[in-house]
Amino acid sequence: MNRNVNTVERVIGRLKRYRAASTRYDKLAIRYEATIQIAIILDLKPSS
């Protein structure tokens, strides 16, 4: 279980770099989910 908690905490920490995801500007759940998905895609994208 500790392993899963650590993984979740690291993902949340990475998402906090994206202001819209960490402050939840989007009030609709579908838009917030889309913001999270875009943040994850940008995080996984190679830097060059």
PDB file of N, CA and C in Angstrom:
ATOM      1  N   MET A   1       0.811  -1.190   0.000  1.00  0.00           N
ATOM      2  CA  MET A   1       0.000   0.000   0.000  1.00  0.00           C
ATOM      3  C   MET A   1       0.861   1.263   0.000  1.00  0.00           C
ATOM      4  N   ASN A   2       1.942   1.286   0.762  1.00  0.00           N
ATOM      5  CA  ASN A   2       2.813   2.463   0.810  1.00  0.00           C
ATOM      6  C   ASN A   2       3.368   2.800  -0.559  1.00  0.00           C
ATOM      7  N   ARG A   3       3.580   1.782  -1.354  1.00  0.00           N
ATOM      8  CA  ARG A   3       4.098   1.982  -2.700  1.00  0.00           C
ATOM      9  C   ARG A   3       3.103   2.772  -3.546  1.00  0.00           C
ATOM     10  N   ASN A   4       1.827   2.416  -3.443  1.00  0.00           N
ATOM     11  CA  ASN A   4       0.797   3.121  -4.199  1.00  0.00           C
ATOM     12  C   ASN A   4       0.618   4.549  -3.701  1.00  0.00           C
ATOM     13  N   VAL A   5       0.694   4.739  -2.408  1.00  0.00           N
ATOM     14  CA  VAL A   5       0.550   6.081  -1.838  1.00  0.00           C
ATOM     15  C   VAL A   5       1.676   6.974  -2.345  1.00  0.00           C
ATOM     16  N   ASN A   6       2.885   6.462  -2.380  1.00  0.00           N
ATOM     17  CA  ASN A   6       4.028   7.222  -2.864  1.00  0.00           C
ATOM     18  C   ASN A   6       3.834   7.612  -4.324  1.00  0.00           C
ATOM     19  N   THR A   7       3.354   6.703  -5.143  1.00  0.00           N
ATOM     20  CA  THR A   7       3.120   6.988  -6.554  1.00  0.00           C
ATOM     21  C   THR A   7       2.073   8.082  -6.719  1.00  0.00           C
ATOM     22  N   VAL A   8       0.998   7.983  -5.993  1.00  0.00           N
ATOM     23  CA  VAL A   8      -0.069   8.986  -6.076  1.00  0.00           C
ATOM     24  C   VAL A   8       0.446  10.346  -5.622  1.00  0.00           C
ATOM     25  N   GLU A   9       1.209  10.387  -4.550  1.00  0.00           N
ATOM     26  CA  GLU A   9       1.744  11.655  -4.056  1.00  0.00           C
ATOM     27  C   GLU A   9       2.694  12.294  -5.058  1.00  0.00           C
ATOM     28  N   ARG A  10       3.499  11.489  -5.742  1.00  0.00           N
ATOM     29  CA  ARG A  10       4.409  12.037  -6.750  1.00  0.00           C
ATOM     30  C   ARG A  10       3.645  12.602  -7.938  1.00  0.00           C
ATOM     31  N   VAL A  11       2.589  11.914  -8.367  1.00  0.00           N
ATOM     32  CA  VAL A  11       1.773  12.406  -9.486  1.00  0.00           C
ATOM     33  C   VAL A  11       1.100  13.722  -9.108  1.00  0.00           C
ATOM     34  N   ILE A  12       0.561  13.802  -7.918  1.00  0.00           N
ATOM     35  CA  ILE A  12      -0.080  15.043  -7.462  1.00  0.00           C
ATOM     36  C   ILE A  12       0.951  16.172  -7.399  1.00  0.00           C
ATOM     37  N   GLY A  13       2.138  15.878  -6.953  1.00  0.00           N
ATOM     38  CA  GLY A  13       3.199  16.881  -6.918  1.00  0.00           C
ATOM     39  C   GLY A  13       3.554  17.396  -8.295  1.00  0.00           C
ATOM     40  N   ARG A  14       3.588  16.510  -9.282  1.00  0.00           N
ATOM     41  CA  ARG A  14       3.866  16.937 -10.650  1.00  0.00           C
ATOM     42  C   ARG A  14       2.737  17.784 -11.207  1.00  0.00           C
ATOM     43  N   LEU A  15       1.501  17.423 -10.888  1.00  0.00           N
ATOM     44  CA  LEU A  15       0.355  18.180 -11.392  1.00  0.00           C
ATOM     45  C   LEU A  15       0.283  19.579 -10.787  1.00  0.00           C
ATOM     46  N   LYS A  16       0.838  19.762  -9.611  1.00  0.00           N
ATOM     47  CA  LYS A  16       0.797  21.077  -8.971  1.00  0.00           C
ATOM     48  C   LYS A  16       1.629  22.108  -9.728  1.00  0.00           C
ATOM     49  N   ARG A  17       2.480  21.655 -10.636  1.00  0.00           N
ATOM     50  CA  ARG A  17       3.231  22.596 -11.465  1.00  0.00           C
ATOM     51  C   ARG A  17       2.322  23.318 -12.445  1.00  0.00           C
ATOM     52  N   TYR A  18       1.185  22.742 -12.735  1.00  0.00           N
ATOM     53  CA  TYR A  18       0.227  23.339 -13.661  1.00  0.00           C
ATOM     54  C   TYR A  18      -0.844  24.052 -12.843  1.00  0.00           C
ATOM     55  N   ARG A  19      -0.828  25.363 -12.904  1.00  0.00           N
ATOM     56  CA  ARG A  19      -1.685  26.169 -12.032  1.00  0.00           C
ATOM     57  C   ARG A  19      -3.172  25.852 -12.197  1.00  0.00           C
ATOM     58  N   ALA A  20      -3.634  25.686 -13.428  1.00  0.00           N
ATOM     59  CA  ALA A  20      -5.060  25.412 -13.651  1.00  0.00           C
ATOM     60  C   ALA A  20      -5.474  24.094 -13.010  1.00  0.00           C
ATOM     61  N   ALA A  21      -4.569  23.127 -12.981  1.00  0.00           N
ATOM     62  CA  ALA A  21      -4.901  21.835 -12.382  1.00  0.00           C
ATOM     63  C   ALA A  21      -4.864  21.906 -10.857  1.00  0.00           C
ATOM     64  N   SER A  22      -3.926  22.671 -10.319  1.00  0.00           N
ATOM     65  CA  SER A  22      -3.795  22.700  -8.860  1.00  0.00           C
ATOM     66  C   SER A  22      -4.821  23.603  -8.185  1.00  0.00           C
ATOM     67  N   THR A  23      -5.310  24.623  -8.894  1.00  0.00           N
ATOM     68  CA  THR A  23      -6.278  25.533  -8.280  1.00  0.00           C
ATOM     69  C   THR A  23      -7.712  25.231  -8.689  1.00  0.00           C
ATOM     70  N   ARG A  24      -7.865  24.369  -9.642  1.00  0.00           N
ATOM     71  CA  ARG A  24      -9.168  23.976 -10.164  1.00  0.00           C
ATOM     72  C   ARG A  24      -9.998  25.184 -10.605  1.00  0.00           C
ATOM     73  N   TYR A  25      -9.494  25.856 -11.643  1.00  0.00           N
ATOM     74  CA  TYR A  25     -10.217  26.982 -12.225  1.00  0.00           C
ATOM     75  C   TYR A  25     -11.511  26.525 -12.878  1.00  0.00           C
ATOM     76  N   ASP A  26     -11.480  25.354 -13.490  1.00  0.00           N
ATOM     77  CA  ASP A  26     -12.660  24.850 -14.199  1.00  0.00           C
ATOM     78  C   ASP A  26     -13.675  24.335 -13.195  1.00  0.00           C
ATOM     79  N   LYS A  27     -14.887  24.820 -13.293  1.00  0.00           N
ATOM     80  CA  LYS A  27     -15.924  24.430 -12.345  1.00  0.00           C
ATOM     81  C   LYS A  27     -16.618  23.133 -12.762  1.00  0.00           C
ATOM     82  N   LEU A  28     -16.683  22.878 -14.071  1.00  0.00           N
ATOM     83  CA  LEU A  28     -17.313  21.646 -14.537  1.00  0.00           C
ATOM     84  C   LEU A  28     -16.331  20.485 -14.432  1.00  0.00           C
ATOM     85  N   ALA A  29     -16.813  19.354 -13.981  1.00  0.00           N
ATOM     86  CA  ALA A  29     -15.957  18.178 -13.781  1.00  0.00           C
ATOM     87  C   ALA A  29     -15.310  17.725 -15.083  1.00  0.00           C
ATOM     88  N   ILE A  30     -16.039  17.774 -16.187  1.00  0.00           N
ATOM     89  CA  ILE A  30     -15.495  17.299 -17.466  1.00  0.00           C
ATOM     90  C   ILE A  30     -14.328  18.181 -17.916  1.00  0.00           C
ATOM     91  N   ARG A  31     -14.423  19.476 -17.688  1.00  0.00           N
ATOM     92  CA  ARG A  31     -13.330  20.381 -18.064  1.00  0.00           C
ATOM     93  C   ARG A  31     -12.135  20.202 -17.136  1.00  0.00           C
ATOM     94  N   TYR A  32     -12.392  19.979 -15.866  1.00  0.00           N
ATOM     95  CA  TYR A  32     -11.304  19.745 -14.922  1.00  0.00           C
ATOM     96  C   TYR A  32     -10.569  18.456 -15.282  1.00  0.00           C
ATOM     97  N   GLU A  33     -11.319  17.423 -15.630  1.00  0.00           N
ATOM     98  CA  GLU A  33     -10.701  16.160 -16.037  1.00  0.00           C
ATOM     99  C   GLU A  33      -9.852  16.357 -17.289  1.00  0.00           C
ATOM    100  N   ALA A  34     -10.342  17.141 -18.234  1.00  0.00           N
ATOM    101  CA  ALA A  34      -9.578  17.419 -19.450  1.00  0.00           C
ATOM    102  C   ALA A  34      -8.293  18.178 -19.114  1.00  0.00           C
ATOM    103  N   THR A  35      -8.366  19.111 -18.186  1.00  0.00           N
ATOM    104  CA  THR A  35      -7.180  19.857 -17.764  1.00  0.00           C
ATOM    105  C   THR A  35      -6.146  18.922 -17.154  1.00  0.00           C
ATOM    106  N   ILE A  36      -6.596  17.996 -16.338  1.00  0.00           N
ATOM    107  CA  ILE A  36      -5.692  17.017 -15.729  1.00  0.00           C
ATOM    108  C   ILE A  36      -5.050  16.146 -16.806  1.00  0.00           C
ATOM    109  N   GLN A  37      -5.837  15.696 -17.769  1.00  0.00           N
ATOM    110  CA  GLN A  37      -5.304  14.853 -18.840  1.00  0.00           C
ATOM    111  C   GLN A  37      -4.266  15.597 -19.672  1.00  0.00           C
ATOM    112  N   ILE A  38      -4.528  16.852 -19.987  1.00  0.00           N
ATOM    113  CA  ILE A  38      -3.562  17.646 -20.750  1.00  0.00           C
ATOM    114  C   ILE A  38      -2.280  17.834 -19.948  1.00  0.00           C
ATOM    115  N   ALA A  39      -2.402  18.096 -18.661  1.00  0.00           N
ATOM    116  CA  ALA A  39      -1.220  18.263 -17.814  1.00  0.00           C
ATOM    117  C   ALA A  39      -0.388  16.982 -17.777  1.00  0.00           C
ATOM    118  N   ILE A  40      -1.046  15.838 -17.707  1.00  0.00           N
ATOM    119  CA  ILE A  40      -0.328  14.560 -17.701  1.00  0.00           C
ATOM    120  C   ILE A  40       0.375  14.334 -19.031  1.00  0.00           C
ATOM    121  N   ILE A  41      -0.303  14.634 -20.137  1.00  0.00           N
ATOM    122  CA  ILE A  41       0.308  14.475 -21.462  1.00  0.00           C
ATOM    123  C   ILE A  41       1.534  15.374 -21.585  1.00  0.00           C
ATOM    124  N   LEU A  42       1.413  16.632 -21.164  1.00  0.00           N
ATOM    125  CA  LEU A  42       2.549  17.550 -21.235  1.00  0.00           C
ATOM    126  C   LEU A  42       3.690  17.096 -20.337  1.00  0.00           C
ATOM    127  N   ASP A  43       3.372  16.499 -19.213  1.00  0.00           N
ATOM    128  CA  ASP A  43       4.398  16.020 -18.294  1.00  0.00           C
ATOM    129  C   ASP A  43       5.147  14.818 -18.867  1.00  0.00           C
ATOM    130  N   LEU A  44       4.451  13.976 -19.605  1.00  0.00           N
ATOM    131  CA  LEU A  44       5.073  12.775 -20.166  1.00  0.00           C
ATOM    132  C   LEU A  44       5.776  13.032 -21.496  1.00  0.00           C
ATOM    133  N   LYS A  45       5.482  14.172 -22.117  1.00  0.00           N
ATOM    134  CA  LYS A  45       6.059  14.503 -23.416  1.00  0.00           C
ATOM    135  C   LYS A  45       7.564  14.741 -23.275  1.00  0.00           C
ATOM    136  N   PRO A  46       8.357  14.205 -24.198  1.00  0.00           N
ATOM    137  CA  PRO A  46       9.796  14.470 -24.152  1.00  0.00           C
ATOM    138  C   PRO A  46      10.073  15.968 -24.285  1.00  0.00           C
ATOM    139  N   SER A  47      11.106  16.446 -23.645  1.00  0.00           N
ATOM    140  CA  SER A  47      11.362  17.883 -23.599  1.00  0.00           C
ATOM    141  C   SER A  47      11.922  18.466 -24.890  1.00  0.00           C
ATOM    142  N   SER A  48      12.427  17.665 -25.797  1.00  0.00           N
ATOM    143  CA  SER A  48      12.968  18.259 -27.027  1.00  0.00           C
ATOM    144  C   SER A  48      12.167  17.901 -28.215  1.00  0.00           C
TER     145      SER A  48
END
